[in-house]
Each structure stands twice: as structure tokens, then as C-alpha cells.
Amino acid sequence: MRSKDFISALADKSGNTFANTQQMLQTIVQSLTSKFEAGENVSITGFGSFEIKKRSERVIVNPVTNSKMLVPPKLVLSFKAAKNTKTKHNSEVK
């Protein structure tokens, strides 16, 4: 689903205009981004939680040249779905 399709679906469901819904979504994304940049975790009740995790440095091997390279540590954003979100999704698959 593309962004415009998602915004249209939200606008239809909420009864708001496309422009108003787009502005609200941009505000939400900016707010989440600022929290992630500050190193904070974000939990949305009934949906799931976003957590910033640190990946430690590791050594990888290039399979073609067999040369070893060091990958530096980095921060990654992970998402864990809430239990009811997982349950609803899994029940729809069956």
C-alpha cells in the first residue's frame, strides 16, 4: 500500500479530508522520529512497541574473496507487535 492509498483509506474511515489526514499523519511521523532520535522507545497500546536496539560490532566474511571485514556497531529500530495485533493477524491468515 502506497502512502497516498493509506492516507485516502484513513480519510475515508475518519471522515476527514485528505489534506487534513495527510497533515495529521505527517505530525505523527515527525513526533515518532523525534522520539527515536532522542533514543526513546515508543509504545502504542493495542498496536505494538518500537524499540531502539544497539547491534554490536561483528566480523563478516566476503564469500567471494574470503576477506574479513569489521562491521561497526549501530543502532537499529525494531518493532514488536502487541499480543492482540498478532492474534488478529494470525486468525486472518487461517
PDB file of N, CA and C in Angstrom:
ATOM      1  N   MET A   1       0.852  -1.174   0.000  1.00  0.00           N
ATOM      2  CA  MET A   1       0.000   0.000   0.000  1.00  0.00           C
ATOM      3  C   MET A   1       0.894   1.231   0.000  1.00  0.00           C
ATOM      4  N   ARG A   2       0.634   2.107  -0.932  1.00  0.00           N
ATOM      5  CA  ARG A   2       1.398   3.345  -1.013  1.00  0.00           C
ATOM      6  C   ARG A   2       0.875   4.353  -0.002  1.00  0.00           C
ATOM      7  N   SER A   3       1.662   5.375   0.241  1.00  0.00           N
ATOM      8  CA  SER A   3       1.307   6.399   1.219  1.00  0.00           C
ATOM      9  C   SER A   3      -0.017   7.079   0.879  1.00  0.00           C
ATOM     10  N   LYS A   4      -0.206   7.427  -0.397  1.00  0.00           N
ATOM     11  CA  LYS A   4      -1.448   8.106  -0.799  1.00  0.00           C
ATOM     12  C   LYS A   4      -2.657   7.208  -0.585  1.00  0.00           C
ATOM     13  N   ASP A   5      -2.509   5.924  -0.865  1.00  0.00           N
ATOM     14  CA  ASP A   5      -3.600   4.974  -0.644  1.00  0.00           C
ATOM     15  C   ASP A   5      -3.934   4.862   0.839  1.00  0.00           C
ATOM     16  N   PHE A   6      -2.893   4.817   1.660  1.00  0.00           N
ATOM     17  CA  PHE A   6      -3.077   4.721   3.111  1.00  0.00           C
ATOM     18  C   PHE A   6      -3.778   5.965   3.654  1.00  0.00           C
ATOM     19  N   ILE A   7      -3.349   7.132   3.209  1.00  0.00           N
ATOM     20  CA  ILE A   7      -3.959   8.383   3.659  1.00  0.00           C
ATOM     21  C   ILE A   7      -5.412   8.455   3.201  1.00  0.00           C
ATOM     22  N   SER A   8      -5.686   8.029   1.974  1.00  0.00           N
ATOM     23  CA  SER A   8      -7.067   8.024   1.477  1.00  0.00           C
ATOM     24  C   SER A   8      -7.950   7.107   2.307  1.00  0.00           C
ATOM     25  N   ALA A   9      -7.442   5.936   2.647  1.00  0.00           N
ATOM     26  CA  ALA A   9      -8.210   4.993   3.463  1.00  0.00           C
ATOM     27  C   ALA A   9      -8.476   5.576   4.850  1.00  0.00           C
ATOM     28  N   LEU A  10      -7.468   6.211   5.442  1.00  0.00           N
ATOM     29  CA  LEU A  10      -7.662   6.849   6.753  1.00  0.00           C
ATOM     30  C   LEU A  10      -8.673   7.987   6.672  1.00  0.00           C
ATOM     31  N   ALA A  11      -8.581   8.790   5.624  1.00  0.00           N
ATOM     32  CA  ALA A  11      -9.505   9.912   5.459  1.00  0.00           C
ATOM     33  C   ALA A  11     -10.937   9.412   5.311  1.00  0.00           C
ATOM     34  N   ASP A  12     -11.131   8.376   4.519  1.00  0.00           N
ATOM     35  CA  ASP A  12     -12.474   7.821   4.334  1.00  0.00           C
ATOM     36  C   ASP A  12     -13.029   7.264   5.643  1.00  0.00           C
ATOM     37  N   LYS A  13     -12.191   6.560   6.378  1.00  0.00           N
ATOM     38  CA  LYS A  13     -12.625   5.932   7.624  1.00  0.00           C
ATOM     39  C   LYS A  13     -12.912   6.956   8.715  1.00  0.00           C
ATOM     40  N   SER A  14     -12.130   8.039   8.755  1.00  0.00           N
ATOM     41  CA  SER A  14     -12.286   9.032   9.815  1.00  0.00           C
ATOM     42  C   SER A  14     -13.251  10.150   9.451  1.00  0.00           C
ATOM     43  N   GLY A  15     -13.554  10.284   8.170  1.00  0.00           N
ATOM     44  CA  GLY A  15     -14.449  11.357   7.744  1.00  0.00           C
ATOM     45  C   GLY A  15     -13.753  12.695   7.575  1.00  0.00           C
ATOM     46  N   ASN A  16     -12.435  12.697   7.616  1.00  0.00           N
ATOM     47  CA  ASN A  16     -11.660  13.922   7.430  1.00  0.00           C
ATOM     48  C   ASN A  16     -11.279  14.075   5.957  1.00  0.00           C
ATOM     49  N   THR A  17     -10.794  15.252   5.624  1.00  0.00           N
ATOM     50  CA  THR A  17     -10.322  15.479   4.258  1.00  0.00           C
ATOM     51  C   THR A  17      -8.960  14.821   4.075  1.00  0.00           C
ATOM     52  N   PHE A  18      -8.587  14.629   2.813  1.00  0.00           N
ATOM     53  CA  PHE A  18      -7.284  14.046   2.502  1.00  0.00           C
ATOM     54  C   PHE A  18      -6.171  14.922   3.058  1.00  0.00           C
ATOM     55  N   ALA A  19      -6.274  16.241   2.852  1.00  0.00           N
ATOM     56  CA  ALA A  19      -5.224  17.172   3.294  1.00  0.00           C
ATOM     57  C   ALA A  19      -5.085  17.167   4.812  1.00  0.00           C
ATOM     58  N   ASN A  20      -6.207  17.145   5.515  1.00  0.00           N
ATOM     59  CA  ASN A  20      -6.176  17.143   6.980  1.00  0.00           C
ATOM     60  C   ASN A  20      -5.567  15.836   7.494  1.00  0.00           C
ATOM     61  N   THR A  21      -5.950  14.726   6.889  1.00  0.00           N
ATOM     62  CA  THR A  21      -5.411  13.428   7.289  1.00  0.00           C
ATOM     63  C   THR A  21      -3.922  13.350   6.994  1.00  0.00           C
ATOM     64  N   GLN A  22      -3.502  13.887   5.854  1.00  0.00           N
ATOM     65  CA  GLN A  22      -2.086  13.900   5.494  1.00  0.00           C
ATOM     66  C   GLN A  22      -1.282  14.706   6.514  1.00  0.00           C
ATOM     67  N   GLN A  23      -1.811  15.842   6.927  1.00  0.00           N
ATOM     68  CA  GLN A  23      -1.132  16.684   7.921  1.00  0.00           C
ATOM     69  C   GLN A  23      -1.024  15.956   9.263  1.00  0.00           C
ATOM     70  N   MET A  24      -2.099  15.266   9.661  1.00  0.00           N
ATOM     71  CA  MET A  24      -2.061  14.513  10.928  1.00  0.00           C
ATOM     72  C   MET A  24      -1.027  13.394  10.869  1.00  0.00           C
ATOM     73  N   LEU A  25      -0.970  12.692   9.744  1.00  0.00           N
ATOM     74  CA  LEU A  25      -0.005  11.610   9.609  1.00  0.00           C
ATOM     75  C   LEU A  25       1.425  12.141   9.621  1.00  0.00           C
ATOM     76  N   GLN A  26       1.663  13.270   8.966  1.00  0.00           N
ATOM     77  CA  GLN A  26       2.993  13.881   8.984  1.00  0.00           C
ATOM     78  C   GLN A  26       3.377  14.289  10.403  1.00  0.00           C
ATOM     79  N   THR A  27       2.424  14.803  11.158  1.00  0.00           N
ATOM     80  CA  THR A  27       2.679  15.189  12.548  1.00  0.00           C
ATOM     81  C   THR A  27       3.045  13.971  13.387  1.00  0.00           C
ATOM     82  N   ILE A  28       2.328  12.870  13.185  1.00  0.00           N
ATOM     83  CA  ILE A  28       2.613  11.641  13.930  1.00  0.00           C
ATOM     84  C   ILE A  28       4.005  11.130  13.586  1.00  0.00           C
ATOM     85  N   VAL A  29       4.342  11.090  12.314  1.00  0.00           N
ATOM     86  CA  VAL A  29       5.660  10.595  11.889  1.00  0.00           C
ATOM     87  C   VAL A  29       6.773  11.490  12.428  1.00  0.00           C
ATOM     88  N   GLN A  30       6.592  12.802  12.376  1.00  0.00           N
ATOM     89  CA  GLN A  30       7.604  13.720  12.917  1.00  0.00           C
ATOM     90  C   GLN A  30       7.771  13.522  14.414  1.00  0.00           C
ATOM     91  N   SER A  31       6.676  13.313  15.111  1.00  0.00           N
ATOM     92  CA  SER A  31       6.728  13.098  16.551  1.00  0.00           C
ATOM     93  C   SER A  31       7.461  11.799  16.884  1.00  0.00           C
ATOM     94  N   LEU A  32       7.142  10.726  16.154  1.00  0.00           N
ATOM     95  CA  LEU A  32       7.829   9.448  16.373  1.00  0.00           C
ATOM     96  C   LEU A  32       9.314   9.575  16.063  1.00  0.00           C
ATOM     97  N   THR A  33       9.647  10.241  14.969  1.00  0.00           N
ATOM     98  CA  THR A  33      11.041  10.412  14.569  1.00  0.00           C
ATOM     99  C   THR A  33      11.830  11.161  15.631  1.00  0.00           C
ATOM    100  N   SER A  34      11.240  12.199  16.196  1.00  0.00           N
ATOM    101  CA  SER A  34      11.952  12.959  17.227  1.00  0.00           C
ATOM    102  C   SER A  34      12.183  12.107  18.478  1.00  0.00           C
ATOM    103  N   LYS A  35      11.231  11.247  18.804  1.00  0.00           N
ATOM    104  CA  LYS A  35      11.415  10.349  19.959  1.00  0.00           C
ATOM    105  C   LYS A  35      12.529   9.340  19.685  1.00  0.00           C
ATOM    106  N   PHE A  36      12.566   8.789  18.467  1.00  0.00           N
ATOM    107  CA  PHE A  36      13.609   7.828  18.122  1.00  0.00           C
ATOM    108  C   PHE A  36      14.976   8.485  18.119  1.00  0.00           C
ATOM    109  N   GLU A  37      15.069   9.722  17.605  1.00  0.00           N
ATOM    110  CA  GLU A  37      16.341  10.439  17.592  1.00  0.00           C
ATOM    111  C   GLU A  37      16.826  10.724  19.009  1.00  0.00           C
ATOM    112  N   ALA A  38      15.888  10.893  19.943  1.00  0.00           N
ATOM    113  CA  ALA A  38      16.248  11.133  21.337  1.00  0.00           C
ATOM    114  C   ALA A  38      16.593   9.836  22.062  1.00  0.00           C
ATOM    115  N   GLY A  39      16.451   8.698  21.382  1.00  0.00           N
ATOM    116  CA  GLY A  39      16.790   7.415  21.985  1.00  0.00           C
ATOM    117  C   GLY A  39      15.684   6.824  22.825  1.00  0.00           C
ATOM    118  N   GLU A  40      14.463   7.322  22.675  1.00  0.00           N
ATOM    119  CA  GLU A  40      13.348   6.839  23.470  1.00  0.00           C
ATOM    120  C   GLU A  40      12.586   5.737  22.732  1.00  0.00           C
ATOM    121  N   ASN A  41      12.042   4.803  23.502  1.00  0.00           N
ATOM    122  CA  ASN A  41      11.182   3.775  22.942  1.00  0.00           C
ATOM    123  C   ASN A  41       9.758   4.314  22.899  1.00  0.00           C
ATOM    124  N   VAL A  42       8.964   3.838  21.949  1.00  0.00           N
ATOM    125  CA  VAL A  42       7.583   4.291  21.812  1.00  0.00           C
ATOM    126  C   VAL A  42       6.675   3.074  21.827  1.00  0.00           C
ATOM    127  N   SER A  43       5.662   3.115  22.689  1.00  0.00           N
ATOM    128  CA  SER A  43       4.706   2.026  22.786  1.00  0.00           C
ATOM    129  C   SER A  43       3.321   2.570  22.465  1.00  0.00           C
ATOM    130  N   ILE A  44       2.619   1.900  21.552  1.00  0.00           N
ATOM    131  CA  ILE A  44       1.264   2.285  21.171  1.00  0.00           C
ATOM    132  C   ILE A  44       0.347   1.154  21.622  1.00  0.00           C
ATOM    133  N   THR A  45      -0.477   1.431  22.614  1.00  0.00           N
ATOM    134  CA  THR A  45      -1.343   0.426  23.200  1.00  0.00           C
ATOM    135  C   THR A  45      -2.244  -0.199  22.144  1.00  0.00           C
ATOM    136  N   GLY A  46      -2.279  -1.522  22.139  1.00  0.00           N
ATOM    137  CA  GLY A  46      -3.113  -2.251  21.203  1.00  0.00           C
ATOM    138  C   GLY A  46      -2.490  -2.441  19.835  1.00  0.00           C
ATOM    139  N   PHE A  47      -1.341  -1.846  19.579  1.00  0.00           N
ATOM    140  CA  PHE A  47      -0.684  -1.971  18.272  1.00  0.00           C
ATOM    141  C   PHE A  47       0.677  -2.634  18.416  1.00  0.00           C
ATOM    142  N   GLY A  48       1.556  -2.039  19.234  1.00  0.00           N
ATOM    143  CA  GLY A  48       2.879  -2.600  19.441  1.00  0.00           C
ATOM    144  C   GLY A  48       3.849  -1.561  19.950  1.00  0.00           C
ATOM    145  N   SER A  49       5.114  -1.940  20.003  1.00  0.00           N
ATOM    146  CA  SER A  49       6.125  -1.020  20.518  1.00  0.00           C
ATOM    147  C   SER A  49       7.335  -0.983  19.588  1.00  0.00           C
ATOM    148  N   PHE A  50       7.903   0.206  19.495  1.00  0.00           N
ATOM    149  CA  PHE A  50       9.114   0.440  18.732  1.00  0.00           C
ATOM    150  C   PHE A  50      10.246   0.610  19.733  1.00  0.00           C
ATOM    151  N   GLU A  51      11.334  -0.086  19.497  1.00  0.00           N
ATOM    152  CA  GLU A  51      12.457  -0.048  20.421  1.00  0.00           C
ATOM    153  C   GLU A  51      13.747   0.145  19.639  1.00  0.00           C
ATOM    154  N   ILE A  52      14.627   0.966  20.181  1.00  0.00           N
ATOM    155  CA  ILE A  52      15.940   1.176  19.574  1.00  0.00           C
ATOM    156  C   ILE A  52      16.911   0.211  20.233  1.00  0.00           C
ATOM    157  N   LYS A  53      17.542  -0.610  19.407  1.00  0.00           N
ATOM    158  CA  LYS A  53      18.488  -1.593  19.915  1.00  0.00           C
ATOM    159  C   LYS A  53      19.869  -1.315  19.327  1.00  0.00           C
ATOM    160  N   LYS A  54      20.891  -1.660  20.092  1.00  0.00           N
ATOM    161  CA  LYS A  54      22.259  -1.477  19.627  1.00  0.00           C
ATOM    162  C   LYS A  54      22.794  -2.811  19.137  1.00  0.00           C
ATOM    163  N   ARG A  55      23.241  -2.822  17.912  1.00  0.00           N
ATOM    164  CA  ARG A  55      23.907  -4.005  17.366  1.00  0.00           C
ATOM    165  C   ARG A  55      25.398  -3.835  17.584  1.00  0.00           C
ATOM    166  N   SER A  56      26.005  -4.842  18.168  1.00  0.00           N
ATOM    167  CA  SER A  56      27.438  -4.749  18.436  1.00  0.00           C
ATOM    168  C   SER A  56      28.225  -4.988  17.152  1.00  0.00           C
ATOM    169  N   GLU A  57      29.492  -4.601  17.206  1.00  0.00           N
ATOM    170  CA  GLU A  57      30.321  -4.793  16.023  1.00  0.00           C
ATOM    171  C   GLU A  57      30.548  -6.277  15.803  1.00  0.00           C
ATOM    172  N   ARG A  58      30.736  -6.635  14.542  1.00  0.00           N
ATOM    173  CA  ARG A  58      30.938  -8.040  14.216  1.00  0.00           C
ATOM    174  C   ARG A  58      31.846  -8.158  13.000  1.00  0.00           C
ATOM    175  N   VAL A  59      32.378  -9.343  12.830  1.00  0.00           N
ATOM    176  CA  VAL A  59      33.252  -9.629  11.696  1.00  0.00           C
ATOM    177  C   VAL A  59      32.444 -10.425  10.679  1.00  0.00           C
ATOM    178  N   ILE A  60      32.501  -9.986   9.432  1.00  0.00           N
ATOM    179  CA  ILE A  60      31.842 -10.718   8.354  1.00  0.00           C
ATOM    180  C   ILE A  60      32.895 -11.169   7.353  1.00  0.00           C
ATOM    181  N   VAL A  61      32.564 -12.187   6.580  1.00  0.00           N
ATOM    182  CA  VAL A  61      33.490 -12.719   5.580  1.00  0.00           C
ATOM    183  C   VAL A  61      32.832 -12.592   4.208  1.00  0.00           C
ATOM    184  N   ASN A  62      33.561 -11.975   3.287  1.00  0.00           N
ATOM    185  CA  ASN A  62      33.095 -11.875   1.914  1.00  0.00           C
ATOM    186  C   ASN A  62      33.238 -13.265   1.289  1.00  0.00           C
ATOM    187  N   PRO A  63      32.136 -13.893   0.835  1.00  0.00           N
ATOM    188  CA  PRO A  63      32.226 -15.261   0.323  1.00  0.00           C
ATOM    189  C   PRO A  63      33.017 -15.390  -0.975  1.00  0.00           C
ATOM    190  N   VAL A  64      33.138 -14.312  -1.729  1.00  0.00           N
ATOM    191  CA  VAL A  64      33.868 -14.370  -3.000  1.00  0.00           C
ATOM    192  C   VAL A  64      35.369 -14.304  -2.769  1.00  0.00           C
ATOM    193  N   THR A  65      35.806 -13.340  -1.944  1.00  0.00           N
ATOM    194  CA  THR A  65      37.241 -13.123  -1.744  1.00  0.00           C
ATOM    195  C   THR A  65      37.776 -13.735  -0.456  1.00  0.00           C
ATOM    196  N   ASN A  66      36.888 -14.208   0.403  1.00  0.00           N
ATOM    197  CA  ASN A  66      37.251 -14.732   1.727  1.00  0.00           C
ATOM    198  C   ASN A  66      37.957 -13.702   2.599  1.00  0.00           C
ATOM    199  N   SER A  67      37.780 -12.425   2.285  1.00  0.00           N
ATOM    200  CA  SER A  67      38.384 -11.398   3.122  1.00  0.00           C
ATOM    201  C   SER A  67      37.428 -11.061   4.269  1.00  0.00           C
ATOM    202  N   LYS A  68      38.005 -10.782   5.414  1.00  0.00           N
ATOM    203  CA  LYS A  68      37.235 -10.450   6.603  1.00  0.00           C
ATOM    204  C   LYS A  68      37.104  -8.942   6.714  1.00  0.00           C
ATOM    205  N   MET A  69      35.911  -8.508   7.126  1.00  0.00           N
ATOM    206  CA  MET A  69      35.666  -7.070   7.327  1.00  0.00           C
ATOM    207  C   MET A  69      34.970  -6.882   8.661  1.00  0.00           C
ATOM    208  N   LEU A  70      35.269  -5.766   9.292  1.00  0.00           N
ATOM    209  CA  LEU A  70      34.651  -5.426  10.565  1.00  0.00           C
ATOM    210  C   LEU A  70      33.473  -4.490  10.306  1.00  0.00           C
ATOM    211  N   VAL A  71      32.288  -4.901  10.762  1.00  0.00           N
ATOM    212  CA  VAL A  71      31.104  -4.057  10.644  1.00  0.00           C
ATOM    213  C   VAL A  71      30.974  -3.306  11.965  1.00  0.00           C
ATOM    214  N   PRO A  72      30.961  -1.974  11.942  1.00  0.00           N
ATOM    215  CA  PRO A  72      30.913  -1.205  13.179  1.00  0.00           C
ATOM    216  C   PRO A  72      29.558  -1.339  13.883  1.00  0.00           C
ATOM    217  N   PRO A  73      29.508  -1.030  15.177  1.00  0.00           N
ATOM    218  CA  PRO A  73      28.237  -1.087  15.888  1.00  0.00           C
ATOM    219  C   PRO A  73      27.273  -0.026  15.354  1.00  0.00           C
ATOM    220  N   LYS A  74      25.979  -0.312  15.472  1.00  0.00           N
ATOM    221  CA  LYS A  74      24.996   0.665  15.010  1.00  0.00           C
ATOM    222  C   LYS A  74      23.697   0.493  15.780  1.00  0.00           C
ATOM    223  N   LEU A  75      22.868   1.518  15.715  1.00  0.00           N
ATOM    224  CA  LEU A  75      21.553   1.475  16.332  1.00  0.00           C
ATOM    225  C   LEU A  75      20.526   1.100  15.269  1.00  0.00           C
ATOM    226  N   VAL A  76      19.598   0.204  15.631  1.00  0.00           N
ATOM    227  CA  VAL A  76      18.550  -0.212  14.706  1.00  0.00           C
ATOM    228  C   VAL A  76      17.198  -0.075  15.406  1.00  0.00           C
ATOM    229  N   LEU A  77      16.185   0.191  14.628  1.00  0.00           N
ATOM    230  CA  LEU A  77      14.826   0.329  15.145  1.00  0.00           C
ATOM    231  C   LEU A  77      14.106  -0.995  14.952  1.00  0.00           C
ATOM    232  N   SER A  78      13.545  -1.522  16.030  1.00  0.00           N
ATOM    233  CA  SER A  78      12.813  -2.782  15.920  1.00  0.00           C
ATOM    234  C   SER A  78      11.370  -2.568  16.362  1.00  0.00           C
ATOM    235  N   PHE A  79      10.485  -3.414  15.855  1.00  0.00           N
ATOM    236  CA  PHE A  79       9.062  -3.328  16.185  1.00  0.00           C
ATOM    237  C   PHE A  79       8.601  -4.662  16.727  1.00  0.00           C
ATOM    238  N   LYS A  80       7.852  -4.617  17.815  1.00  0.00           N
ATOM    239  CA  LYS A  80       7.260  -5.814  18.384  1.00  0.00           C
ATOM    240  C   LYS A  80       5.764  -5.584  18.462  1.00  0.00           C
ATOM    241  N   ALA A  81       5.010  -6.412  17.750  1.00  0.00           N
ATOM    242  CA  ALA A  81       3.563  -6.252  17.709  1.00  0.00           C
ATOM    243  C   ALA A  81       2.944  -6.632  19.045  1.00  0.00           C
ATOM    244  N   ALA A  82       1.854  -5.948  19.396  1.00  0.00           N
ATOM    245  CA  ALA A  82       1.125  -6.272  20.612  1.00  0.00           C
ATOM    246  C   ALA A  82       0.468  -7.636  20.445  1.00  0.00           C
ATOM    247  N   LYS A  83       0.177  -8.282  21.551  1.00  0.00           N
ATOM    248  CA  LYS A  83      -0.369  -9.631  21.518  1.00  0.00           C
ATOM    249  C   LYS A  83      -1.673  -9.685  20.727  1.00  0.00           C
ATOM    250  N   ASN A  84      -2.576  -8.712  20.955  1.00  0.00           N
ATOM    251  CA  ASN A  84      -3.856  -8.752  20.237  1.00  0.00           C
ATOM    252  C   ASN A  84      -3.677  -8.466  18.746  1.00  0.00           C
ATOM    253  N   THR A  85      -2.663  -7.708  18.373  1.00  0.00           N
ATOM    254  CA  THR A  85      -2.378  -7.465  16.957  1.00  0.00           C
ATOM    255  C   THR A  85      -1.898  -8.750  16.297  1.00  0.00           C
ATOM    256  N   LYS A  86      -1.020  -9.479  16.982  1.00  0.00           N
ATOM    257  CA  LYS A  86      -0.543 -10.756  16.457  1.00  0.00           C
ATOM    258  C   LYS A  86      -1.690 -11.749  16.325  1.00  0.00           C
ATOM    259  N   THR A  87      -2.525 -11.829  17.357  1.00  0.00           N
ATOM    260  CA  THR A  87      -3.635 -12.770  17.359  1.00  0.00           C
ATOM    261  C   THR A  87      -4.601 -12.474  16.221  1.00  0.00           C
ATOM    262  N   LYS A  88      -4.937 -11.194  16.029  1.00  0.00           N
ATOM    263  CA  LYS A  88      -5.865 -10.820  14.964  1.00  0.00           C
ATOM    264  C   LYS A  88      -5.273 -11.134  13.602  1.00  0.00           C
ATOM    265  N   HIS A  89      -3.987 -10.821  13.422  1.00  0.00           N
ATOM    266  CA  HIS A  89      -3.323 -11.075  12.141  1.00  0.00           C
ATOM    267  C   HIS A  89      -3.260 -12.567  11.851  1.00  0.00           C
ATOM    268  N   ASN A  90      -2.902 -13.350  12.852  1.00  0.00           N
ATOM    269  CA  ASN A  90      -2.784 -14.798  12.655  1.00  0.00           C
ATOM    270  C   ASN A  90      -4.125 -15.463  12.409  1.00  0.00           C
ATOM    271  N   SER A  91      -5.189 -14.940  12.991  1.00  0.00           N
ATOM    272  CA  SER A  91      -6.515 -15.530  12.771  1.00  0.00           C
ATOM    273  C   SER A  91      -7.013 -15.247  11.359  1.00  0.00           C
ATOM    274  N   GLU A  92      -6.572 -14.148  10.759  1.00  0.00           N
ATOM    275  CA  GLU A  92      -6.973 -13.810   9.390  1.00  0.00           C
ATOM    276  C   GLU A  92      -6.247 -14.654   8.363  1.00  0.00           C
ATOM    277  N   VAL A  93      -5.083 -15.194   8.714  1.00  0.00           N
ATOM    278  CA  VAL A  93      -4.298 -15.989   7.788  1.00  0.00           C
ATOM    279  C   VAL A  93      -4.913 -17.370   7.606  1.00  0.00           C
ATOM    280  N   LYS A  94      -5.512 -17.905   8.634  1.00  0.00           N
ATOM    281  CA  LYS A  94      -6.056 -19.274   8.593  1.00  0.00           C
ATOM    282  C   LYS A  94      -7.246 -19.403   7.700  1.00  0.00           C
TER     283      LYS A  94
END
